[in-house]
Amino acid sequence: MDPSRGTDAGDAPDTGAPMPTRTEHLGAPLDLRRTLAPLARGFGDPTMHLAPDGVLWARRTPAGPVAAFVRQSADSLVVEAHGDGADWFLDALPGILGGLDAPAWSPPAGAHPTIRELARRHPGVRVVRSAAVLEALVPAILEQKVMGSEARRAFIGLVRRYGEAAPGPATWRLRLPPAPAVLAALPYYAYHPFGVEQRRAELVRAVARRADWFEATTSLTSDEARARLTSVRGIGPWTAAEVAVRALGDADAVSVGDFHLPHLVSFALSGEPRGTDERMVELLEPYRPHRAIVVRLLELGGIGPPRRGPRLSIQRIDDR
């Protein structure tokens, strides 16, 4: 663990109590950092740190909060977990990572050469299934129609102000996401210092009040989960897909309505510098039911069209 992360007076102390640990054998390729990376909301996310020697992660589980350090060697994972949710997390981790014995995804016959090459270079990238729906839904709402930097600033600000110190060593400096009850109880104007206007703030409060109803989507089919999510005003196909690809393990979810994704897919798969949602869906059709994996590989490939589109402006909300 990188010692430069230091300590904070507000962090949970290391009590010295016995910690649950587990070693899991890897029966197939796994790229731990790149698989879990979509759950991290930018550099400085207090809930997750992608360290050189593993991944630190704090989250809530049905059994309680947990903070874990997951380290990967050539053929195994070593997991150290703290908190009431430690045993739950240790049991759930193989499923979160898509199955430790799951074979690597193989591109179909006739796949684009770029996809074949990226699949060869990144055989261990999986679609994550965190089973933490609200912890995916709230950041997705914060990302609606704003710059990514603005959304990350809002999320990190909320975690630092209203989250709790995570269990485990103080040197980990992890914080838990704000509890649903806390988010629901905040008045909408309490979100303004983080750049979140009333519309998004009210939607966060609304979904937090129905946290259990949303968490239950983990037991539904992909179509049923998507229908439940999009039945709520303010949650459209883009937000539902962002949740599905992080919390529900939907390997076919595509974020239709994304500002950049159609251009990325169109440029990588057809050489067209600009794309539409319709063109993106057309180009990804041969890769069903693994379109989310293809999109992730394209993101990792660093392929991008020329940047000529208008930039979104950063919103400023008065603290009244």
Protein backbone atom coordinates (compact mmCIF):
# COMPACT_ATOMS: atom_id res chain seq x y z
CA MET A 1 0.00 0.00 0.00
CA ASP A 2 1.28 3.46 -0.93
CA PRO A 3 2.26 5.18 2.36
CA SER A 4 2.08 8.62 0.79
CA ARG A 5 -1.69 8.66 1.27
CA GLY A 6 -1.04 9.49 4.94
CA THR A 7 -3.68 9.75 7.65
CA ASP A 8 -6.62 11.96 8.55
CA ALA A 9 -7.79 12.76 12.04
CA GLY A 10 -11.34 12.00 10.95
CA ASP A 11 -10.54 8.55 9.65
CA ALA A 12 -11.60 5.40 11.44
CA PRO A 13 -8.86 4.01 13.70
CA ASP A 14 -7.26 0.64 13.22
CA THR A 15 -8.61 -1.27 16.21
CA GLY A 16 -6.26 -4.21 15.83
CA ALA A 17 -9.22 -6.61 15.73
CA PRO A 18 -8.82 -9.77 13.63
CA MET A 19 -9.57 -9.06 9.99
CA PRO A 20 -11.30 -11.40 7.55
CA THR A 21 -8.94 -12.34 4.73
CA ARG A 22 -9.27 -14.67 1.81
CA THR A 23 -7.16 -15.92 -1.08
CA GLU A 24 -9.03 -16.68 -4.30
CA HIS A 25 -7.51 -18.71 -7.13
CA LEU A 26 -7.84 -17.19 -10.59
CA GLY A 27 -8.83 -19.77 -13.16
CA ALA A 28 -8.93 -17.26 -16.02
CA PRO A 29 -7.36 -13.92 -16.94
CA LEU A 30 -8.43 -10.97 -14.79
CA ASP A 31 -7.37 -7.34 -15.04
CA LEU A 32 -8.43 -6.25 -11.57
CA ARG A 33 -7.71 -2.53 -11.86
CA ARG A 34 -9.30 -2.05 -15.27
CA THR A 35 -12.33 -4.12 -14.29
CA LEU A 36 -13.02 -2.08 -11.17
CA ALA A 37 -11.92 1.28 -12.60
CA PRO A 38 -15.41 2.26 -13.88
CA LEU A 39 -16.57 2.34 -10.23
CA ALA A 40 -14.03 5.04 -9.33
CA ARG A 41 -15.26 8.58 -9.90
CA GLY A 42 -12.05 10.23 -10.93
CA PHE A 43 -8.75 10.85 -9.21
CA GLY A 44 -9.30 11.55 -5.52
CA ASP A 45 -12.49 9.49 -5.17
CA PRO A 46 -12.56 8.83 -1.39
CA THR A 47 -14.46 5.54 -1.86
CA MET A 48 -11.93 3.84 -4.14
CA HIS A 49 -8.21 4.07 -4.78
CA LEU A 50 -6.50 2.22 -7.62
CA ALA A 51 -3.13 1.68 -5.93
CA PRO A 52 -0.08 0.29 -7.73
CA ASP A 53 -0.33 -2.94 -5.75
CA GLY A 54 -4.11 -3.39 -5.70
CA VAL A 55 -7.47 -1.72 -5.21
CA LEU A 56 -8.79 -0.11 -2.04
CA TRP A 57 -12.57 0.05 -1.92
CA ALA A 58 -15.11 1.26 0.64
CA ARG A 59 -18.79 0.57 0.14
CA ARG A 60 -22.03 -0.36 1.82
CA THR A 61 -23.36 -3.91 1.69
CA PRO A 62 -26.60 -5.56 2.89
CA ALA A 63 -24.62 -6.68 5.96
CA GLY A 64 -23.09 -3.27 6.71
CA PRO A 65 -20.14 -1.15 5.65
CA VAL A 66 -16.88 -2.63 4.43
CA ALA A 67 -13.45 -1.42 3.42
CA ALA A 68 -11.29 -3.86 1.50
CA PHE A 69 -7.85 -4.10 -0.05
CA VAL A 70 -7.81 -6.45 -3.04
CA ARG A 71 -4.36 -7.45 -4.29
CA GLN A 72 -3.65 -9.48 -7.40
CA SER A 73 -0.80 -11.81 -8.15
CA ALA A 74 -0.29 -13.86 -11.28
CA ASP A 75 -2.83 -16.51 -10.36
CA SER A 76 -4.71 -15.35 -7.26
CA LEU A 77 -6.39 -12.54 -5.37
CA VAL A 78 -5.61 -11.79 -1.74
CA VAL A 79 -8.39 -9.83 -0.07
CA GLU A 80 -8.30 -8.10 3.32
CA ALA A 81 -11.66 -6.75 4.50
CA HIS A 82 -12.83 -4.78 7.55
CA GLY A 83 -16.24 -3.89 8.89
CA ASP A 84 -19.62 -5.54 9.41
CA GLY A 85 -19.90 -6.21 5.68
CA ALA A 86 -16.53 -7.96 5.40
CA ASP A 87 -17.81 -11.53 5.17
CA TRP A 88 -20.52 -10.51 2.70
CA PHE A 89 -17.93 -8.80 0.54
CA LEU A 90 -15.54 -11.74 0.57
CA ASP A 91 -18.33 -14.09 -0.48
CA ALA A 92 -19.62 -11.73 -3.16
CA LEU A 93 -16.30 -10.72 -4.73
CA PRO A 94 -16.07 -13.52 -7.34
CA GLY A 95 -19.51 -12.52 -8.65
CA ILE A 96 -18.62 -8.83 -8.54
CA LEU A 97 -15.66 -9.58 -10.80
CA GLY A 98 -17.66 -11.64 -13.26
CA GLY A 99 -16.55 -15.06 -12.05
CA LEU A 100 -12.94 -15.90 -11.30
CA ASP A 101 -13.04 -18.92 -13.61
CA ALA A 102 -14.95 -17.18 -16.42
CA PRO A 103 -13.16 -17.51 -19.76
CA ALA A 104 -11.97 -14.40 -21.54
CA TRP A 105 -14.41 -12.89 -24.00
CA SER A 106 -13.60 -13.71 -27.61
CA PRO A 107 -14.64 -11.44 -30.49
CA PRO A 108 -17.08 -13.05 -32.93
CA ALA A 109 -16.10 -14.07 -36.44
CA GLY A 110 -15.83 -11.02 -38.64
CA ALA A 111 -15.11 -8.66 -35.75
CA HIS A 112 -13.36 -5.41 -36.59
CA PRO A 113 -9.54 -5.74 -36.48
CA THR A 114 -9.38 -3.06 -33.80
CA ILE A 115 -11.69 -5.07 -31.56
CA ARG A 116 -9.68 -8.24 -32.11
CA GLU A 117 -6.45 -6.44 -31.23
CA LEU A 118 -7.89 -4.79 -28.11
CA ALA A 119 -9.34 -8.10 -26.91
CA ARG A 120 -5.92 -9.67 -27.35
CA ARG A 121 -4.21 -6.88 -25.40
CA HIS A 122 -6.80 -6.79 -22.58
CA PRO A 123 -8.04 -10.36 -22.05
CA GLY A 124 -8.78 -9.86 -18.37
CA VAL A 125 -11.20 -6.94 -18.61
CA ARG A 126 -14.64 -7.88 -17.27
CA VAL A 127 -17.96 -6.10 -16.77
CA VAL A 128 -18.25 -5.47 -13.06
CA ARG A 129 -21.36 -6.36 -11.03
CA SER A 130 -21.07 -4.37 -7.82
CA ALA A 131 -24.69 -5.14 -6.77
CA ALA A 132 -24.69 -1.65 -5.21
CA VAL A 133 -27.38 0.04 -7.26
CA LEU A 134 -27.69 3.35 -5.44
CA GLU A 135 -23.91 3.73 -5.32
CA ALA A 136 -24.00 3.62 -9.13
CA LEU A 137 -27.25 5.53 -9.58
CA VAL A 138 -26.43 8.63 -7.53
CA PRO A 139 -23.16 9.41 -9.39
CA ALA A 140 -24.93 8.76 -12.71
CA ILE A 141 -27.58 11.33 -11.80
CA LEU A 142 -24.85 13.80 -10.87
CA GLU A 143 -23.32 13.24 -14.33
CA GLN A 144 -26.51 14.08 -16.23
CA LYS A 145 -25.92 16.85 -18.78
CA VAL A 146 -22.79 18.27 -17.16
CA MET A 147 -19.05 17.99 -17.68
CA GLY A 148 -17.42 14.93 -16.13
CA SER A 149 -15.14 17.11 -14.01
CA GLU A 150 -18.14 18.91 -12.57
CA ALA A 151 -19.91 15.66 -11.72
CA ARG A 152 -16.80 14.21 -10.08
CA ARG A 153 -16.36 17.35 -8.00
CA ALA A 154 -19.98 17.06 -6.83
CA PHE A 155 -19.66 13.40 -5.91
CA ILE A 156 -16.36 13.80 -4.08
CA GLY A 157 -17.70 16.82 -2.22
CA LEU A 158 -20.79 14.95 -1.07
CA VAL A 159 -18.71 11.98 0.10
CA ARG A 160 -16.29 14.15 2.04
CA ARG A 161 -19.06 16.22 3.64
CA TYR A 162 -21.75 13.61 4.28
CA GLY A 163 -20.03 10.22 4.01
CA GLU A 164 -18.51 8.39 6.96
CA ALA A 165 -14.98 7.24 7.66
CA ALA A 166 -14.71 3.67 6.43
CA PRO A 167 -13.63 0.82 8.70
CA GLY A 168 -10.06 -0.40 8.45
CA PRO A 169 -6.59 1.11 8.79
CA ALA A 170 -6.49 4.90 9.02
CA THR A 171 -3.73 4.94 6.39
CA TRP A 172 -6.25 3.76 3.79
CA ARG A 173 -8.07 7.11 4.09
CA LEU A 174 -11.29 5.70 2.65
CA ARG A 175 -14.77 7.08 3.16
CA LEU A 176 -18.14 5.46 2.64
CA PRO A 177 -20.64 7.01 0.25
CA PRO A 178 -23.37 8.97 2.05
CA ALA A 179 -26.10 6.70 3.37
CA PRO A 180 -29.41 6.86 1.46
CA ALA A 181 -31.18 8.22 4.54
CA VAL A 182 -28.69 11.07 4.71
CA LEU A 183 -29.10 11.97 1.03
CA ALA A 184 -32.88 11.83 1.31
CA ALA A 185 -32.95 14.09 4.38
CA LEU A 186 -30.81 16.85 2.86
CA PRO A 187 -32.81 19.82 1.50
CA TYR A 188 -32.18 20.42 -2.19
CA TYR A 189 -30.23 23.59 -1.50
CA ALA A 190 -27.68 21.60 0.55
CA TYR A 191 -26.48 20.22 -2.79
CA HIS A 192 -25.80 23.68 -4.23
CA PRO A 193 -22.29 24.10 -2.75
CA PHE A 194 -21.30 21.07 -4.83
CA GLY A 195 -22.61 22.55 -8.06
CA VAL A 196 -25.82 20.47 -8.15
CA GLU A 197 -28.92 22.39 -9.18
CA GLN A 198 -32.41 21.72 -7.86
CA ARG A 199 -33.45 19.25 -10.59
CA ARG A 200 -30.62 16.78 -9.99
CA ALA A 201 -30.72 17.35 -6.23
CA GLU A 202 -34.41 16.50 -6.05
CA LEU A 203 -33.84 13.37 -8.14
CA VAL A 204 -31.04 12.19 -5.84
CA ARG A 205 -33.30 12.78 -2.83
CA ALA A 206 -36.16 10.90 -4.52
CA VAL A 207 -34.14 7.80 -5.39
CA ALA A 208 -32.53 7.77 -1.94
CA ARG A 209 -35.99 7.63 -0.36
CA ARG A 210 -36.67 4.45 -2.40
CA ALA A 211 -33.26 2.87 -1.98
CA ASP A 212 -34.54 -0.64 -1.20
CA TRP A 213 -36.80 -0.61 -4.27
CA PHE A 214 -33.88 0.27 -6.49
CA GLU A 215 -31.50 -2.21 -4.83
CA ALA A 216 -34.01 -4.97 -5.58
CA THR A 217 -33.24 -4.61 -9.30
CA THR A 218 -30.25 -6.90 -8.71
CA SER A 219 -32.71 -9.82 -8.63
CA LEU A 220 -34.45 -8.83 -11.90
CA THR A 221 -33.61 -9.59 -15.51
CA SER A 222 -31.82 -6.90 -17.50
CA ASP A 223 -35.02 -5.87 -19.25
CA GLU A 224 -36.96 -5.78 -15.99
CA ALA A 225 -34.27 -3.77 -14.24
CA ARG A 226 -34.10 -1.27 -17.08
CA ALA A 227 -37.89 -0.91 -17.07
CA ARG A 228 -37.94 -0.27 -13.34
CA LEU A 229 -35.19 2.31 -13.51
CA THR A 230 -36.63 4.22 -16.45
CA SER A 231 -40.13 4.24 -14.94
CA VAL A 232 -38.89 7.00 -12.63
CA ARG A 233 -39.08 10.50 -14.05
CA GLY A 234 -35.57 11.83 -14.59
CA ILE A 235 -33.99 8.41 -15.20
CA GLY A 236 -33.63 7.77 -18.91
CA PRO A 237 -31.86 5.15 -21.01
CA TRP A 238 -28.42 6.72 -20.49
CA THR A 239 -28.66 6.71 -16.69
CA ALA A 240 -30.13 3.20 -16.66
CA ALA A 241 -27.27 1.89 -18.82
CA GLU A 242 -24.66 3.53 -16.59
CA VAL A 243 -26.17 1.69 -13.62
CA ALA A 244 -26.55 -1.59 -15.50
CA VAL A 245 -22.90 -1.74 -16.57
CA ARG A 246 -21.60 -1.05 -13.06
CA ALA A 247 -24.08 -2.48 -10.58
CA LEU A 248 -25.96 -5.15 -12.54
CA GLY A 249 -23.21 -6.76 -14.60
CA ASP A 250 -25.05 -6.17 -17.88
CA ALA A 251 -22.42 -6.96 -20.51
CA ASP A 252 -24.71 -5.66 -23.27
CA ALA A 253 -25.61 -2.25 -21.82
CA VAL A 254 -24.87 0.74 -24.08
CA SER A 255 -25.14 4.32 -22.84
CA VAL A 256 -27.32 5.78 -25.58
CA GLY A 257 -27.42 9.55 -25.18
CA ASP A 258 -23.79 9.93 -24.16
CA PHE A 259 -22.06 13.11 -25.35
CA HIS A 260 -18.82 11.45 -26.53
CA LEU A 261 -19.50 7.72 -26.98
CA PRO A 262 -21.15 7.79 -30.45
CA HIS A 263 -18.14 9.66 -31.84
CA LEU A 264 -15.69 7.22 -30.26
CA VAL A 265 -17.49 4.14 -31.61
CA SER A 266 -18.05 5.62 -35.06
CA PHE A 267 -14.44 6.72 -35.41
CA ALA A 268 -12.96 3.44 -34.14
CA LEU A 269 -15.20 1.11 -36.15
CA SER A 270 -15.84 3.09 -39.34
CA GLY A 271 -13.34 5.95 -39.44
CA GLU A 272 -16.16 8.50 -39.25
CA PRO A 273 -15.11 11.41 -37.00
CA ARG A 274 -18.67 12.12 -35.89
CA GLY A 275 -21.42 9.69 -35.00
CA THR A 276 -24.99 9.51 -33.76
CA ASP A 277 -26.67 7.16 -31.32
CA GLU A 278 -28.27 5.38 -34.26
CA ARG A 279 -24.95 4.89 -36.02
CA MET A 280 -23.32 3.70 -32.80
CA VAL A 281 -26.03 1.09 -32.22
CA GLU A 282 -25.71 -0.07 -35.82
CA LEU A 283 -21.94 -0.52 -35.54
CA LEU A 284 -22.21 -2.36 -32.22
CA GLU A 285 -25.01 -4.70 -33.35
CA PRO A 286 -22.66 -7.59 -34.36
CA TYR A 287 -21.32 -7.71 -30.81
CA ARG A 288 -24.56 -8.47 -28.96
CA PRO A 289 -24.80 -9.58 -26.15
CA HIS A 290 -21.38 -8.19 -25.22
CA ARG A 291 -21.58 -4.61 -26.45
CA ALA A 292 -20.56 -3.17 -23.07
CA ILE A 293 -17.29 -5.11 -23.22
CA VAL A 294 -16.61 -3.79 -26.71
CA VAL A 295 -17.25 -0.22 -25.56
CA ARG A 296 -14.94 -0.69 -22.59
CA LEU A 297 -12.18 -2.04 -24.85
CA LEU A 298 -12.56 0.95 -27.15
CA GLU A 299 -12.28 3.31 -24.18
CA LEU A 300 -9.12 1.55 -23.06
CA GLY A 301 -7.68 1.68 -26.57
CA GLY A 302 -7.17 5.43 -26.46
CA ILE A 303 -8.75 5.81 -29.89
CA GLY A 304 -10.61 9.07 -30.39
CA PRO A 305 -11.94 11.35 -33.10
CA PRO A 306 -10.71 14.93 -33.53
CA ARG A 307 -12.16 17.18 -30.83
CA ARG A 308 -14.28 19.73 -32.66
CA GLY A 309 -17.57 19.59 -30.78
CA PRO A 310 -18.81 22.32 -28.43
CA ARG A 311 -17.67 22.05 -24.85
CA LEU A 312 -20.18 21.96 -22.05
CA SER A 313 -19.81 24.88 -19.68
CA ILE A 314 -19.38 24.39 -15.96
CA GLN A 315 -22.49 25.35 -14.04
CA ARG A 316 -22.20 27.59 -11.00
CA ILE A 317 -24.85 27.41 -8.31
CA ASP A 318 -25.16 30.21 -5.79
CA ASP A 319 -25.00 29.05 -2.18
CA ARG A 320 -28.15 30.67 -0.86
